[in-house]
Amino acid sequence: RQRIRQEKAAPIIDALHTWMIAQRQLVPEGSAIAKALDYSLKRWI
């Protein structure tokens, strides 16, 4: 069960990380969304 979950989740998580990095470059510095993305990206494992 865990293996199947990992196989399905990994590509989705990788795509989310890529999207977050791309979005961070587009949003204004100091905006609420920039702060949220910074917070999440700093804690990304």
N, C-alpha and C. Protein backbone atom coordinates (compact mmCIF):
# COMPACT_ATOMS: atom_id res chain seq x y z
N ARG A 1 0.82 -1.20 0.00
CA ARG A 1 0.00 0.00 0.00
C ARG A 1 0.87 1.26 0.00
N GLN A 2 1.89 1.28 0.84
CA GLN A 2 2.76 2.45 0.90
C GLN A 2 3.52 2.64 -0.41
N ARG A 3 3.96 1.55 -1.02
CA ARG A 3 4.69 1.63 -2.28
C ARG A 3 3.82 2.26 -3.35
N ILE A 4 2.58 1.84 -3.44
CA ILE A 4 1.66 2.38 -4.44
C ILE A 4 1.42 3.87 -4.18
N ARG A 5 1.24 4.21 -2.92
CA ARG A 5 1.03 5.62 -2.57
C ARG A 5 2.25 6.45 -2.96
N GLN A 6 3.44 5.93 -2.69
CA GLN A 6 4.68 6.64 -3.05
C GLN A 6 4.78 6.81 -4.56
N GLU A 7 4.47 5.76 -5.30
CA GLU A 7 4.56 5.83 -6.76
C GLU A 7 3.62 6.86 -7.35
N LYS A 8 2.44 6.98 -6.78
CA LYS A 8 1.46 7.93 -7.29
C LYS A 8 1.71 9.35 -6.79
N ALA A 9 2.19 9.47 -5.57
CA ALA A 9 2.37 10.79 -4.97
C ALA A 9 3.63 11.49 -5.44
N ALA A 10 4.70 10.76 -5.66
CA ALA A 10 5.99 11.37 -6.00
C ALA A 10 5.92 12.31 -7.20
N PRO A 11 5.33 11.90 -8.33
CA PRO A 11 5.27 12.83 -9.47
C PRO A 11 4.42 14.07 -9.18
N ILE A 12 3.38 13.91 -8.40
CA ILE A 12 2.51 15.04 -8.06
C ILE A 12 3.27 16.03 -7.17
N ILE A 13 3.99 15.50 -6.20
CA ILE A 13 4.76 16.35 -5.29
C ILE A 13 5.88 17.06 -6.04
N ASP A 14 6.55 16.36 -6.95
CA ASP A 14 7.61 16.98 -7.75
C ASP A 14 7.04 18.12 -8.60
N ALA A 15 5.88 17.89 -9.19
CA ALA A 15 5.24 18.93 -10.01
C ALA A 15 4.84 20.13 -9.14
N LEU A 16 4.35 19.86 -7.95
CA LEU A 16 3.98 20.95 -7.03
C LEU A 16 5.21 21.78 -6.67
N HIS A 17 6.31 21.13 -6.38
CA HIS A 17 7.54 21.85 -6.02
C HIS A 17 8.01 22.73 -7.18
N THR A 18 8.01 22.19 -8.37
CA THR A 18 8.40 22.95 -9.56
C THR A 18 7.48 24.15 -9.75
N TRP A 19 6.18 23.93 -9.58
CA TRP A 19 5.20 25.01 -9.73
C TRP A 19 5.43 26.10 -8.68
N MET A 20 5.68 25.70 -7.44
CA MET A 20 5.91 26.67 -6.38
C MET A 20 7.13 27.54 -6.67
N ILE A 21 8.19 26.93 -7.15
CA ILE A 21 9.40 27.69 -7.49
C ILE A 21 9.10 28.69 -8.61
N ALA A 22 8.38 28.24 -9.63
CA ALA A 22 8.04 29.12 -10.75
C ALA A 22 7.14 30.27 -10.30
N GLN A 23 6.16 29.98 -9.47
CA GLN A 23 5.24 31.01 -9.00
C GLN A 23 5.95 32.03 -8.12
N ARG A 24 6.90 31.56 -7.34
CA ARG A 24 7.62 32.47 -6.44
C ARG A 24 8.35 33.55 -7.22
N GLN A 25 8.84 33.20 -8.38
CA GLN A 25 9.55 34.17 -9.21
C GLN A 25 8.61 35.21 -9.82
N LEU A 26 7.32 34.91 -9.86
CA LEU A 26 6.35 35.79 -10.50
C LEU A 26 5.65 36.76 -9.54
N VAL A 27 5.59 36.41 -8.27
CA VAL A 27 4.82 37.24 -7.33
C VAL A 27 5.69 38.35 -6.74
N PRO A 28 5.07 39.47 -6.39
CA PRO A 28 5.82 40.59 -5.82
C PRO A 28 6.44 40.24 -4.47
N GLU A 29 7.64 40.74 -4.26
CA GLU A 29 8.35 40.54 -3.00
C GLU A 29 7.53 41.14 -1.86
N GLY A 30 7.40 40.41 -0.77
CA GLY A 30 6.70 40.92 0.40
C GLY A 30 5.20 40.68 0.39
N SER A 31 4.66 40.17 -0.72
CA SER A 31 3.23 39.90 -0.75
C SER A 31 2.92 38.67 0.11
N ALA A 32 1.66 38.52 0.44
CA ALA A 32 1.25 37.39 1.29
C ALA A 32 1.56 36.06 0.61
N ILE A 33 1.32 35.97 -0.68
CA ILE A 33 1.60 34.72 -1.38
C ILE A 33 3.10 34.45 -1.44
N ALA A 34 3.90 35.50 -1.58
CA ALA A 34 5.36 35.32 -1.57
C ALA A 34 5.82 34.79 -0.22
N LYS A 35 5.25 35.33 0.85
CA LYS A 35 5.61 34.85 2.19
C LYS A 35 5.20 33.40 2.38
N ALA A 36 4.02 33.04 1.89
CA ALA A 36 3.55 31.66 2.01
C ALA A 36 4.44 30.70 1.21
N LEU A 37 4.79 31.10 0.01
CA LEU A 37 5.67 30.26 -0.81
C LEU A 37 7.05 30.15 -0.18
N ASP A 38 7.59 31.25 0.32
CA ASP A 38 8.89 31.21 0.98
C ASP A 38 8.87 30.26 2.17
N TYR A 39 7.82 30.35 2.97
CA TYR A 39 7.67 29.49 4.14
C TYR A 39 7.67 28.02 3.72
N SER A 40 6.89 27.70 2.72
CA SER A 40 6.78 26.31 2.27
C SER A 40 8.07 25.82 1.65
N LEU A 41 8.69 26.64 0.83
CA LEU A 41 9.92 26.21 0.15
C LEU A 41 11.08 26.05 1.13
N LYS A 42 11.13 26.86 2.17
CA LYS A 42 12.19 26.71 3.17
C LYS A 42 12.08 25.38 3.90
N ARG A 43 10.87 24.90 4.05
CA ARG A 43 10.64 23.67 4.80
C ARG A 43 10.50 22.43 3.92
N TRP A 44 10.72 22.62 2.63
CA TRP A 44 10.58 21.50 1.69
C TRP A 44 11.65 20.46 1.99
N ILE A 45 11.26 19.22 2.03
CA ILE A 45 12.21 18.13 2.32
C ILE A 45 12.71 17.54 1.03
